[in-house]
Protein backbone atom coordinates (compact mmCIF):
# COMPACT_ATOMS: atom_id res chain seq x y z
CA UNK A 1 0.00 0.00 0.00
CA UNK A 2 2.94 2.34 0.47
CA UNK A 3 3.68 2.27 -3.26
CA UNK A 4 0.09 3.17 -4.08
CA UNK A 5 -0.02 6.11 -1.66
CA UNK A 6 3.33 7.39 -2.88
CA UNK A 7 2.28 7.15 -6.54
CA UNK A 8 -1.04 8.91 -5.89
CA UNK A 9 0.64 11.70 -3.90
CA UNK A 10 3.46 12.31 -6.39
CA UNK A 11 1.29 11.78 -9.45
CA UNK A 12 3.88 9.46 -10.97
CA UNK A 13 5.99 6.36 -10.34
CA UNK A 14 9.24 5.11 -11.84
CA UNK A 15 8.88 1.38 -12.46
CA UNK A 16 11.42 -1.10 -13.79
CA UNK A 17 9.90 -3.07 -16.67
CA UNK A 18 11.21 -5.59 -19.17
CA UNK A 19 10.72 -4.41 -22.77
CA UNK A 20 12.02 -6.45 -25.71
CA UNK A 21 14.25 -8.51 -23.40
CA UNK A 22 15.88 -5.45 -21.82
CA UNK A 23 15.09 -3.97 -18.41
CA UNK A 24 14.18 -0.29 -18.53
CA UNK A 25 12.89 2.23 -16.00
CA UNK A 26 9.73 3.87 -17.31
CA UNK A 27 7.83 6.78 -15.85
CA UNK A 28 4.18 5.93 -15.21
CA UNK A 29 1.98 8.96 -14.59
CA UNK A 30 -1.25 8.85 -12.61
CA UNK A 31 -4.05 9.86 -14.98
CA UNK A 32 -7.56 10.17 -13.62
CA UNK A 33 -10.27 9.09 -16.05
CA UNK A 34 -13.91 10.04 -15.70
CA UNK A 35 -16.26 7.05 -15.81
CA UNK A 36 -19.95 6.67 -14.97
CA UNK A 37 -18.81 5.16 -11.66
CA UNK A 38 -16.60 8.13 -10.72
CA UNK A 39 -13.00 9.16 -11.27
CA UNK A 40 -10.63 6.19 -11.66
CA UNK A 41 -6.83 6.66 -11.35
CA UNK A 42 -4.64 4.75 -13.83
CA UNK A 43 -0.87 4.33 -13.83
CA UNK A 44 -0.28 5.28 -17.46
CA UNK A 45 2.77 4.71 -19.68
CA UNK A 46 3.16 6.43 -23.04
CA UNK A 47 4.87 3.38 -24.58
CA UNK A 48 4.02 -0.19 -25.44
CA UNK A 49 4.59 -2.57 -22.52
CA UNK A 50 4.17 -6.34 -22.71
CA UNK A 51 0.90 -7.56 -21.17
CA UNK A 52 2.62 -9.87 -18.65
CA UNK A 53 4.55 -6.83 -17.38
CA UNK A 54 1.34 -4.80 -17.13
CA UNK A 55 -0.25 -7.61 -15.11
CA UNK A 56 2.80 -7.73 -12.81
CA UNK A 57 2.68 -3.96 -12.24
CA UNK A 58 -1.09 -4.00 -11.59
CA UNK A 59 -0.66 -6.76 -9.01
CA UNK A 60 2.39 -5.14 -7.41
CA UNK A 61 0.84 -1.68 -7.09
CA UNK A 62 -2.77 -2.80 -6.66
CA UNK A 63 -3.91 -0.17 -9.16
CA UNK A 64 -5.23 -0.16 -12.72
CA UNK A 65 -2.43 0.18 -15.29
CA UNK A 66 -2.68 1.43 -18.87
CA UNK A 67 -0.23 1.52 -21.77
CA UNK A 68 -0.65 2.02 -25.51
CA UNK A 69 -1.50 -1.65 -26.01
CA UNK A 70 -4.19 -2.01 -23.34
CA UNK A 71 -5.28 -1.62 -19.75
CA UNK A 72 -5.09 -4.13 -16.92
CA UNK A 73 -6.75 -4.30 -13.51
CA UNK A 74 -5.46 -6.25 -10.52
CA UNK A 75 -6.84 -9.76 -10.19
CA UNK A 76 -10.31 -9.86 -8.61
CA UNK A 77 -10.89 -6.10 -8.93
CA UNK A 78 -13.19 -3.98 -11.09
CA UNK A 79 -13.04 -0.33 -12.09
CA UNK A 80 -15.65 0.58 -9.51
CA UNK A 81 -13.33 -0.64 -6.74
CA UNK A 82 -11.02 2.28 -7.62
CA UNK A 83 -13.64 4.97 -8.18
CA UNK A 84 -13.00 8.24 -6.35
CA UNK A 85 -9.62 7.25 -4.83
C-alpha atoms as a PDB file:
ATOM      1  CA  UNK A   1       0.000   0.000   0.000  1.00  0.00           C
ATOM      2  CA  UNK A   2       2.941   2.343   0.468  1.00  0.00           C
ATOM      3  CA  UNK A   3       3.685   2.269  -3.262  1.00  0.00           C
ATOM      4  CA  UNK A   4       0.092   3.173  -4.078  1.00  0.00           C
ATOM      5  CA  UNK A   5      -0.021   6.105  -1.663  1.00  0.00           C
ATOM      6  CA  UNK A   6       3.335   7.388  -2.878  1.00  0.00           C
ATOM      7  CA  UNK A   7       2.277   7.152  -6.543  1.00  0.00           C
ATOM      8  CA  UNK A   8      -1.036   8.912  -5.890  1.00  0.00           C
ATOM      9  CA  UNK A   9       0.638  11.703  -3.903  1.00  0.00           C
ATOM     10  CA  UNK A  10       3.458  12.308  -6.386  1.00  0.00           C
ATOM     11  CA  UNK A  11       1.286  11.776  -9.448  1.00  0.00           C
ATOM     12  CA  UNK A  12       3.884   9.458 -10.975  1.00  0.00           C
ATOM     13  CA  UNK A  13       5.988   6.358 -10.343  1.00  0.00           C
ATOM     14  CA  UNK A  14       9.240   5.110 -11.840  1.00  0.00           C
ATOM     15  CA  UNK A  15       8.877   1.383 -12.460  1.00  0.00           C
ATOM     16  CA  UNK A  16      11.417  -1.098 -13.794  1.00  0.00           C
ATOM     17  CA  UNK A  17       9.901  -3.073 -16.673  1.00  0.00           C
ATOM     18  CA  UNK A  18      11.207  -5.594 -19.173  1.00  0.00           C
ATOM     19  CA  UNK A  19      10.716  -4.411 -22.769  1.00  0.00           C
ATOM     20  CA  UNK A  20      12.024  -6.445 -25.708  1.00  0.00           C
ATOM     21  CA  UNK A  21      14.245  -8.509 -23.400  1.00  0.00           C
ATOM     22  CA  UNK A  22      15.879  -5.449 -21.816  1.00  0.00           C
ATOM     23  CA  UNK A  23      15.094  -3.966 -18.410  1.00  0.00           C
ATOM     24  CA  UNK A  24      14.176  -0.287 -18.528  1.00  0.00           C
ATOM     25  CA  UNK A  25      12.894   2.230 -16.003  1.00  0.00           C
ATOM     26  CA  UNK A  26       9.730   3.868 -17.307  1.00  0.00           C
ATOM     27  CA  UNK A  27       7.828   6.779 -15.850  1.00  0.00           C
ATOM     28  CA  UNK A  28       4.178   5.926 -15.211  1.00  0.00           C
ATOM     29  CA  UNK A  29       1.979   8.956 -14.589  1.00  0.00           C
ATOM     30  CA  UNK A  30      -1.250   8.852 -12.608  1.00  0.00           C
ATOM     31  CA  UNK A  31      -4.049   9.863 -14.980  1.00  0.00           C
ATOM     32  CA  UNK A  32      -7.564  10.169 -13.619  1.00  0.00           C
ATOM     33  CA  UNK A  33     -10.272   9.086 -16.053  1.00  0.00           C
ATOM     34  CA  UNK A  34     -13.913  10.041 -15.700  1.00  0.00           C
ATOM     35  CA  UNK A  35     -16.256   7.051 -15.807  1.00  0.00           C
ATOM     36  CA  UNK A  36     -19.951   6.673 -14.971  1.00  0.00           C
ATOM     37  CA  UNK A  37     -18.806   5.161 -11.660  1.00  0.00           C
ATOM     38  CA  UNK A  38     -16.605   8.131 -10.722  1.00  0.00           C
ATOM     39  CA  UNK A  39     -13.002   9.162 -11.265  1.00  0.00           C
ATOM     40  CA  UNK A  40     -10.634   6.189 -11.663  1.00  0.00           C
ATOM     41  CA  UNK A  41      -6.828   6.658 -11.354  1.00  0.00           C
ATOM     42  CA  UNK A  42      -4.638   4.753 -13.827  1.00  0.00           C
ATOM     43  CA  UNK A  43      -0.875   4.329 -13.833  1.00  0.00           C
ATOM     44  CA  UNK A  44      -0.276   5.276 -17.459  1.00  0.00           C
ATOM     45  CA  UNK A  45       2.771   4.713 -19.682  1.00  0.00           C
ATOM     46  CA  UNK A  46       3.159   6.429 -23.041  1.00  0.00           C
ATOM     47  CA  UNK A  47       4.875   3.382 -24.584  1.00  0.00           C
ATOM     48  CA  UNK A  48       4.023  -0.193 -25.440  1.00  0.00           C
ATOM     49  CA  UNK A  49       4.593  -2.567 -22.517  1.00  0.00           C
ATOM     50  CA  UNK A  50       4.165  -6.343 -22.709  1.00  0.00           C
ATOM     51  CA  UNK A  51       0.902  -7.557 -21.175  1.00  0.00           C
ATOM     52  CA  UNK A  52       2.622  -9.872 -18.651  1.00  0.00           C
ATOM     53  CA  UNK A  53       4.553  -6.835 -17.384  1.00  0.00           C
ATOM     54  CA  UNK A  54       1.344  -4.802 -17.134  1.00  0.00           C
ATOM     55  CA  UNK A  55      -0.247  -7.610 -15.112  1.00  0.00           C
ATOM     56  CA  UNK A  56       2.799  -7.730 -12.810  1.00  0.00           C
ATOM     57  CA  UNK A  57       2.678  -3.959 -12.236  1.00  0.00           C
ATOM     58  CA  UNK A  58      -1.092  -3.999 -11.591  1.00  0.00           C
ATOM     59  CA  UNK A  59      -0.662  -6.762  -9.015  1.00  0.00           C
ATOM     60  CA  UNK A  60       2.392  -5.143  -7.411  1.00  0.00           C
ATOM     61  CA  UNK A  61       0.839  -1.677  -7.088  1.00  0.00           C
ATOM     62  CA  UNK A  62      -2.769  -2.797  -6.660  1.00  0.00           C
ATOM     63  CA  UNK A  63      -3.913  -0.173  -9.164  1.00  0.00           C
ATOM     64  CA  UNK A  64      -5.231  -0.163 -12.721  1.00  0.00           C
ATOM     65  CA  UNK A  65      -2.431   0.177 -15.287  1.00  0.00           C
ATOM     66  CA  UNK A  66      -2.676   1.426 -18.866  1.00  0.00           C
ATOM     67  CA  UNK A  67      -0.232   1.520 -21.770  1.00  0.00           C
ATOM     68  CA  UNK A  68      -0.653   2.024 -25.514  1.00  0.00           C
ATOM     69  CA  UNK A  69      -1.498  -1.645 -26.011  1.00  0.00           C
ATOM     70  CA  UNK A  70      -4.191  -2.010 -23.340  1.00  0.00           C
ATOM     71  CA  UNK A  71      -5.280  -1.623 -19.754  1.00  0.00           C
ATOM     72  CA  UNK A  72      -5.090  -4.130 -16.917  1.00  0.00           C
ATOM     73  CA  UNK A  73      -6.754  -4.299 -13.513  1.00  0.00           C
ATOM     74  CA  UNK A  74      -5.458  -6.249 -10.516  1.00  0.00           C
ATOM     75  CA  UNK A  75      -6.844  -9.764 -10.194  1.00  0.00           C
ATOM     76  CA  UNK A  76     -10.307  -9.856  -8.608  1.00  0.00           C
ATOM     77  CA  UNK A  77     -10.893  -6.099  -8.928  1.00  0.00           C
ATOM     78  CA  UNK A  78     -13.186  -3.983 -11.090  1.00  0.00           C
ATOM     79  CA  UNK A  79     -13.044  -0.335 -12.087  1.00  0.00           C
ATOM     80  CA  UNK A  80     -15.654   0.581  -9.514  1.00  0.00           C
ATOM     81  CA  UNK A  81     -13.331  -0.636  -6.744  1.00  0.00           C
ATOM     82  CA  UNK A  82     -11.018   2.284  -7.624  1.00  0.00           C
ATOM     83  CA  UNK A  83     -13.644   4.967  -8.183  1.00  0.00           C
ATOM     84  CA  UNK A  84     -13.002   8.240  -6.346  1.00  0.00           C
ATOM     85  CA  UNK A  85      -9.618   7.253  -4.833  1.00  0.00           C
END
